[in-house]
Protein backbone atom coordinates (compact mmCIF):
# COMPACT_ATOMS: atom_id res chain seq x y z
CA UNK A 1 -8.60 23.42 3.02
CA UNK A 2 -6.99 21.39 6.01
CA UNK A 3 -6.71 17.51 6.76
CA UNK A 4 -4.55 15.36 8.84
CA UNK A 5 -3.75 11.80 9.30
CA UNK A 6 -1.47 9.30 10.72
CA UNK A 7 0.92 6.23 9.40
CA UNK A 8 2.66 3.88 11.39
CA UNK A 9 6.72 3.54 11.10
CA UNK A 10 7.84 0.14 10.19
CA UNK A 11 10.44 -2.08 10.64
CA UNK A 12 11.38 -4.76 8.25
CA UNK A 13 12.65 -8.16 9.60
CA UNK A 14 13.80 -9.71 6.44
CA UNK A 15 13.04 -8.81 2.80
CA UNK A 16 13.83 -9.60 -1.20
CA UNK A 17 13.24 -6.81 -3.22
CA UNK A 18 11.05 -7.31 -6.06
CA UNK A 19 10.97 -5.35 -9.58
CA UNK A 20 8.66 -5.41 -12.20
CA UNK A 21 9.20 -1.72 -14.12
CA UNK A 22 6.50 -1.52 -16.27
CA UNK A 23 4.20 -2.62 -13.32
CA UNK A 24 4.59 -0.94 -9.98
CA UNK A 25 1.44 -2.98 -8.71
CA UNK A 26 3.57 -5.61 -8.89
CA UNK A 27 6.64 -4.60 -7.66
CA UNK A 28 8.31 -3.52 -4.20
CA UNK A 29 9.25 -6.63 -2.03
CA UNK A 30 8.62 -9.83 -0.28
CA UNK A 31 9.40 -10.11 3.48
CA UNK A 32 8.17 -9.65 7.11
CA UNK A 33 7.89 -7.10 9.33
CA UNK A 34 6.32 -5.07 12.40
CA UNK A 35 4.76 -1.71 12.51
CA UNK A 36 4.99 0.07 15.59
CA UNK A 37 2.38 2.43 17.38
CA UNK A 38 4.37 5.84 16.45
CA UNK A 39 5.05 7.19 12.97
CA UNK A 40 4.40 10.18 11.05
CA UNK A 41 1.62 12.60 11.25
CA UNK A 42 0.65 14.76 8.30
CA UNK A 43 -1.18 18.38 8.61
CA UNK A 44 -2.03 19.41 4.73
CA UNK A 45 -3.35 22.23 3.54
CA UNK A 46 -5.03 22.71 -0.21
CA UNK A 47 -5.67 25.42 -2.14
CA UNK A 48 -6.65 26.20 -5.74
CA UNK A 49 -3.52 27.83 -7.61
CA UNK A 50 -2.56 29.02 -10.88
CA UNK A 51 0.24 26.60 -11.03
CA UNK A 52 1.39 23.36 -8.86
CA UNK A 53 2.97 23.94 -6.00
CA UNK A 54 4.12 21.58 -3.24
CA UNK A 55 6.20 22.51 -0.23
CA UNK A 56 7.28 20.13 2.64
CA UNK A 57 8.09 20.43 6.13
CA UNK A 58 9.61 17.92 8.47
CA UNK A 59 9.75 18.66 11.35
CA UNK A 60 9.29 22.51 11.32
CA UNK A 61 12.14 22.00 8.33
CA UNK A 62 11.63 22.68 4.67
CA UNK A 63 12.84 19.13 2.60
CA UNK A 64 12.83 18.08 -0.93
CA UNK A 65 11.01 14.92 0.33
CA UNK A 66 11.35 13.22 -2.91
CA UNK A 67 9.21 10.28 -2.08
CA UNK A 68 6.28 12.42 -0.78
CA UNK A 69 6.90 15.31 -3.25
CA UNK A 70 6.43 12.50 -5.85
CA UNK A 71 3.52 10.65 -4.59
CA UNK A 72 1.64 13.77 -4.34
CA UNK A 73 2.27 14.98 -7.61
CA UNK A 74 1.18 11.23 -8.84
CA UNK A 75 -2.05 11.77 -6.53
CA UNK A 76 -2.89 15.46 -7.82
CA UNK A 77 -2.09 14.54 -11.84
CA UNK A 78 -1.64 17.81 -13.90
CA UNK A 79 -4.14 19.82 -11.00
CA UNK A 80 -2.64 23.45 -10.25
CA UNK A 81 -2.72 23.11 -6.60
CA UNK A 82 -0.93 24.76 -3.70
CA UNK A 83 -0.10 21.93 -1.24
CA UNK A 84 1.56 22.74 1.90
CA UNK A 85 2.58 19.58 3.96
CA UNK A 86 3.81 19.65 7.44
CA UNK A 87 5.22 16.09 8.44
CA UNK A 88 5.58 15.57 12.28
CA UNK A 89 7.78 12.28 12.10
CA UNK A 90 8.12 10.92 16.07
CA UNK A 91 11.70 8.93 14.89
CA UNK A 92 14.71 9.69 12.58
CA UNK A 93 14.62 9.52 8.94
CA UNK A 94 17.48 7.23 7.73
CA UNK A 95 17.57 4.81 10.62
CA UNK A 96 15.33 1.60 8.99
CA UNK A 97 12.18 2.70 10.42
CA UNK A 98 10.57 3.27 7.19
CA UNK A 99 9.72 7.24 7.77
CA UNK A 100 9.70 8.21 4.30
CA UNK A 101 7.27 5.76 3.81
CA UNK A 102 5.08 6.69 6.83
CA UNK A 103 5.52 10.74 6.13
CA UNK A 104 4.59 9.90 2.55
CA UNK A 105 1.38 7.71 3.16
CA UNK A 106 0.57 10.29 6.12
CA UNK A 107 0.61 12.78 3.46
CA UNK A 108 -1.47 11.23 0.54
CA UNK A 109 -4.15 9.97 2.87
CA UNK A 110 -4.50 13.71 4.79
CA UNK A 111 -4.52 14.48 0.82
CA UNK A 112 -7.29 12.42 -0.12
CA UNK A 113 -9.61 13.58 2.40
CA UNK A 114 -9.06 17.06 0.92
CA UNK A 115 -9.81 15.82 -2.66
CA UNK A 116 -12.54 13.44 -2.02
CA UNK A 117 -10.48 10.75 -3.65
CA UNK A 118 -10.88 6.77 -2.12
CA UNK A 119 -7.82 5.89 0.55
CA UNK A 120 -6.79 3.61 -2.08
CA UNK A 121 -5.50 6.64 -4.58
CA UNK A 122 -3.14 7.26 -1.67
CA UNK A 123 -1.92 4.02 -1.03
CA UNK A 124 -1.35 3.51 -4.93
CA UNK A 125 0.34 7.04 -5.13
CA UNK A 126 2.50 6.63 -2.10
CA UNK A 127 4.02 3.14 -3.52
CA UNK A 128 4.67 3.67 -6.70
CA UNK A 129 6.91 6.79 -5.77
CA UNK A 130 8.34 4.54 -3.23
CA UNK A 131 9.41 1.74 -5.97
CA UNK A 132 10.27 4.21 -8.68
CA UNK A 133 12.30 5.96 -6.24
CA UNK A 134 13.60 2.31 -5.11
CA UNK A 135 13.53 3.53 -1.08
CA UNK A 136 11.49 1.28 1.37
CA UNK A 137 10.23 -0.92 -1.04
CA UNK A 138 7.32 -2.58 1.03
CA UNK A 139 6.91 -0.24 3.98
CA UNK A 140 4.55 2.12 2.14
CA UNK A 141 2.10 -1.56 2.18
CA UNK A 142 2.78 -2.48 5.89
CA UNK A 143 2.34 0.99 7.16
CA UNK A 144 -1.20 1.07 5.35
CA UNK A 145 -2.47 -2.28 6.81
CA UNK A 146 -0.42 -2.32 10.42
CA UNK A 147 0.45 -4.85 12.79
CA UNK A 148 2.66 -7.80 11.89
CA UNK A 149 3.10 -8.68 8.44
CA UNK A 150 4.14 -11.36 5.55
CA UNK A 151 4.62 -9.74 2.08
CA UNK A 152 4.47 -12.59 -0.48
C-alpha cells in the first residue's frame, strides 16, 4: 500500500533545550519559531515481510536517515514489514530549516494512513525519535501545528 503526506519546514527564532530522559513527552524545547509553506513530502510504501526492512531515500538518494528510521521503528514496534520511504525535501538538510523533523513527520503521517493508526501516533514516534537523537528538539511539534508558535 502507498500513502503520501506533507509536513512544513520550521525555523526556530530562539529555543532552550529541555531534557527529561525518563519522559520524552516532557522533553523538547521552549522557544518560538515559524513554519514555512514548503517542507517535505514523503511517499511511503508498506508491505508484509518475513523481517523488518526500512529503506529511506531522500531526494532520490538512499540515506540512513536516523531520525526517520527510528521514528518508523517506534511506530511499527516488532511488526515484520517492508517499508520504503521516498522523501522530497524542498530545502537542504543541516541548514536550520528543521528538515529532518519535516521528513520524519511526513513519513510517519503517511505510514499511519496505511496502518490505520491515529495521527497522534505519528507525532509521538517522530517527537520521541527527535528527542532521543537530540536533533531538532521541538521542530516536530511545531511542524505538526504549523503557523507561528511559542513553545512553553
